[in-house]
């Protein structure tokens, strides 16, 4: 895969519940194009619901839609299940990201690719990275609130990704999302000035 493909791309990443979606929405308000790997994954899950039923059991599929929350329970806690799911989905996600990137590159301006596991998987030769940062204790609180789960469950989900401090060190740019929305908007504007 040539680096030219992602010449104008910036990988947007972070940890679970550090605020990636909120930041993406703020960038969209400023007219930036976004490729969302999770959204692509959800679409592909449903398109491949028959395969999911074959691999993990029909109880994880209802009316042609994958029951993501239920499936998540056996993915987050079982390495083999996780690897099998990734082996199915990652090549398909990659094809779709490449397809959309070709389109976005033709406009010759910066755009973002939201990839939660950008550093963990390193499948994409994207030249610049932006990490949405929240200290881990805040990350745990937000995840518990968002998914209505216990601290233990939140920690299990978070442990499936690299530590947020490690990602922060590897990033070319960092947005601090440990305060309020006003502060986050200022952070987004600061990054926009940096990349234009």
Protein backbone atom coordinates (compact mmCIF):
# COMPACT_ATOMS: atom_id res chain seq x y z
CA UNK A 1 0.00 0.00 0.00
CA UNK A 2 1.58 3.24 -1.08
CA UNK A 3 1.95 6.16 1.31
CA UNK A 4 0.55 8.45 -1.40
CA UNK A 5 -2.82 6.91 -0.78
CA UNK A 6 -2.97 8.59 2.64
CA UNK A 7 -0.95 11.70 1.84
CA UNK A 8 -3.51 14.11 3.35
CA UNK A 9 -4.88 11.72 5.96
CA UNK A 10 -4.57 12.15 9.71
CA UNK A 11 -5.27 9.12 11.88
CA UNK A 12 -7.59 10.09 14.71
CA UNK A 13 -7.38 7.69 17.62
CA UNK A 14 -7.51 7.43 21.39
CA UNK A 15 -9.06 5.08 23.91
CA UNK A 16 -12.58 3.84 24.39
CA UNK A 17 -14.77 6.72 25.68
CA UNK A 18 -12.04 9.38 25.43
CA UNK A 19 -14.35 11.42 23.15
CA UNK A 20 -13.36 10.48 19.60
CA UNK A 21 -16.93 10.76 18.26
CA UNK A 22 -17.46 14.17 19.83
CA UNK A 23 -14.18 15.41 18.34
CA UNK A 24 -15.12 13.99 14.91
CA UNK A 25 -18.43 15.83 15.07
CA UNK A 26 -16.62 19.08 15.91
CA UNK A 27 -14.28 18.58 12.94
CA UNK A 28 -17.31 17.93 10.69
CA UNK A 29 -18.81 21.25 11.81
CA UNK A 30 -15.60 22.86 10.53
CA UNK A 31 -16.11 21.16 7.17
CA UNK A 32 -13.60 18.30 7.55
CA UNK A 33 -14.22 14.92 5.96
CA UNK A 34 -14.09 11.92 8.28
CA UNK A 35 -13.74 8.21 7.60
CA UNK A 36 -15.07 6.31 10.62
CA UNK A 37 -13.65 2.78 10.94
CA UNK A 38 -16.22 1.81 13.61
CA UNK A 39 -19.13 2.90 11.46
CA UNK A 40 -17.67 0.84 8.58
CA UNK A 41 -17.23 -2.12 10.95
CA UNK A 42 -20.86 -1.94 12.10
CA UNK A 43 -22.09 -1.86 8.49
CA UNK A 44 -19.85 -4.82 7.58
CA UNK A 45 -20.96 -6.80 10.64
CA UNK A 46 -24.56 -6.66 9.46
CA UNK A 47 -23.61 -7.37 5.86
CA UNK A 48 -21.79 -10.49 7.12
CA UNK A 49 -24.36 -11.49 9.73
CA UNK A 50 -24.63 -15.00 8.22
CA UNK A 51 -20.90 -15.54 8.74
CA UNK A 52 -21.17 -14.19 12.31
CA UNK A 53 -23.98 -16.67 13.03
CA UNK A 54 -21.85 -19.50 11.59
CA UNK A 55 -18.78 -18.49 13.57
CA UNK A 56 -20.27 -17.64 16.96
CA UNK A 57 -23.87 -18.92 16.97
CA UNK A 58 -27.24 -17.69 15.70
CA UNK A 59 -28.10 -16.15 19.09
CA UNK A 60 -25.84 -13.21 18.15
CA UNK A 61 -27.92 -12.32 15.10
CA UNK A 62 -31.49 -11.10 14.94
CA UNK A 63 -33.36 -10.18 11.74
CA UNK A 64 -30.12 -9.98 9.78
CA UNK A 65 -28.54 -7.60 12.30
CA UNK A 66 -25.67 -8.52 14.60
CA UNK A 67 -26.45 -7.99 18.30
CA UNK A 68 -23.23 -6.07 18.93
CA UNK A 69 -23.58 -5.77 22.68
CA UNK A 70 -24.12 -9.52 23.08
CA UNK A 71 -21.32 -10.37 20.66
CA UNK A 72 -19.04 -7.93 22.52
CA UNK A 73 -19.36 -10.03 25.69
CA UNK A 74 -17.68 -13.02 24.03
CA UNK A 75 -15.20 -10.90 22.05
CA UNK A 76 -13.79 -8.72 24.84
CA UNK A 77 -13.26 -11.69 27.17
CA UNK A 78 -11.92 -14.29 24.73
CA UNK A 79 -8.75 -13.76 22.72
CA UNK A 80 -9.51 -16.50 20.17
CA UNK A 81 -13.00 -15.13 19.42
CA UNK A 82 -11.51 -11.66 19.07
CA UNK A 83 -8.85 -12.88 16.63
CA UNK A 84 -11.42 -14.78 14.53
CA UNK A 85 -13.66 -11.74 14.29
CA UNK A 86 -10.72 -9.48 13.40
CA UNK A 87 -9.54 -11.93 10.72
CA UNK A 88 -12.96 -11.64 9.09
CA UNK A 89 -13.52 -7.90 9.49
CA UNK A 90 -10.14 -6.16 9.27
CA UNK A 91 -9.41 -6.90 5.57
CA UNK A 92 -12.95 -5.75 4.66
CA UNK A 93 -12.64 -2.58 6.77
CA UNK A 94 -9.28 -1.86 5.16
CA UNK A 95 -10.70 -2.19 1.62
CA UNK A 96 -13.48 0.26 2.45
CA UNK A 97 -11.09 2.77 4.08
CA UNK A 98 -8.80 2.59 1.04
CA UNK A 99 -11.76 3.14 -1.28
CA UNK A 100 -12.95 6.23 0.64
CA UNK A 101 -9.41 7.59 0.99
CA UNK A 102 -8.92 7.53 -2.78
CA UNK A 103 -12.01 9.73 -3.07
CA UNK A 104 -10.92 12.13 -0.31
CA UNK A 105 -7.32 12.39 -1.56
CA UNK A 106 -8.61 13.75 -4.86
CA UNK A 107 -9.70 16.90 -2.97
CA UNK A 108 -6.12 17.45 -1.81
CA UNK A 109 -6.87 18.75 1.69
CA UNK A 110 -6.50 17.26 5.19
CA UNK A 111 -9.10 14.74 6.36
CA UNK A 112 -9.37 12.37 9.32
CA UNK A 113 -9.59 8.61 9.56
CA UNK A 114 -11.03 7.58 12.92
CA UNK A 115 -9.27 4.28 13.76
CA UNK A 116 -9.59 3.18 17.42
CA UNK A 117 -6.79 0.58 17.13
CA UNK A 118 -4.47 2.62 14.90
CA UNK A 119 -1.33 2.04 17.01
CA UNK A 120 -2.23 -1.49 18.12
CA UNK A 121 -2.70 -2.84 14.61
CA UNK A 122 -0.57 -0.54 12.43
CA UNK A 123 -2.36 -1.61 9.23
CA UNK A 124 -2.25 1.84 7.68
CA UNK A 125 0.74 3.93 6.55
CA UNK A 126 -0.91 7.19 7.61
CA UNK A 127 1.77 9.87 8.10
CA UNK A 128 0.23 11.84 10.99
CA UNK A 129 -1.71 10.88 14.08
CA UNK A 130 -3.95 12.75 16.49
CA UNK A 131 -4.76 11.24 19.87
CA UNK A 132 -7.87 12.23 21.83
CA UNK A 133 -6.61 12.05 25.38
CA UNK A 134 -8.42 11.55 28.68
CA UNK A 135 -6.65 10.32 31.85
CA UNK A 136 -7.51 6.69 32.57
CA UNK A 137 -9.56 7.32 35.74
CA UNK A 138 -11.80 9.73 33.82
CA UNK A 139 -11.96 7.28 30.92
CA UNK A 140 -13.24 4.57 33.31
CA UNK A 141 -15.89 6.91 34.79
CA UNK A 142 -17.13 7.98 31.36
CA UNK A 143 -17.31 4.41 30.08
CA UNK A 144 -19.23 3.22 33.16
CA UNK A 145 -21.72 6.03 32.65
CA UNK A 146 -21.97 5.65 28.87
CA UNK A 147 -22.48 1.87 28.79
CA UNK A 148 -24.11 1.59 32.23
CA UNK A 149 -21.53 -1.00 33.36
CA UNK A 150 -19.48 -1.74 36.47
CA UNK A 151 -15.95 -0.49 37.00
CA UNK A 152 -14.70 -4.05 36.50
CA UNK A 153 -16.41 -4.35 33.10
CA UNK A 154 -15.12 -0.93 32.07
CA UNK A 155 -11.55 -1.92 32.97
CA UNK A 156 -11.86 -5.13 30.93
CA UNK A 157 -12.98 -3.16 27.86
CA UNK A 158 -10.20 -0.61 28.31
CA UNK A 159 -7.58 -3.35 28.77
CA UNK A 160 -8.29 -4.53 25.20
CA UNK A 161 -6.50 -1.40 23.98
CA UNK A 162 -3.08 0.03 24.64
CA UNK A 163 -2.79 2.34 27.61
CA UNK A 164 -3.84 5.88 26.71
CA UNK A 165 -0.54 7.31 28.06
CA UNK A 166 1.40 5.15 25.58
CA UNK A 167 -0.76 6.40 22.69
CA UNK A 168 -0.29 9.98 23.86
CA UNK A 169 3.50 9.52 23.66
CA UNK A 170 3.31 8.11 20.12
CA UNK A 171 0.99 10.80 18.78
CA UNK A 172 2.07 13.64 16.51
CA UNK A 173 -0.71 15.80 17.97
CA UNK A 174 -2.85 15.51 21.10
CA UNK A 175 -6.27 16.88 22.01
CA UNK A 176 -6.86 17.07 25.75
CA UNK A 177 -10.44 16.05 26.52
CA UNK A 178 -10.26 16.06 30.30
CA UNK A 179 -12.25 19.25 30.82
CA UNK A 180 -15.55 20.63 29.48
CA UNK A 181 -16.94 21.00 25.95
CA UNK A 182 -15.81 24.62 25.63
CA UNK A 183 -12.24 23.55 26.28
CA UNK A 184 -12.63 20.70 23.78
CA UNK A 185 -13.83 23.15 21.11
CA UNK A 186 -10.75 25.30 21.74
CA UNK A 187 -8.53 22.23 21.44
CA UNK A 188 -10.13 21.32 18.10
CA UNK A 189 -9.62 24.85 16.78
CA UNK A 190 -5.99 24.76 17.88
CA UNK A 191 -5.43 21.54 15.90
CA UNK A 192 -7.18 22.98 12.84
CA UNK A 193 -4.77 25.93 12.85
CA UNK A 194 -1.88 23.52 13.14
CA UNK A 195 -2.87 21.37 10.15
CA UNK A 196 -4.08 23.98 7.67
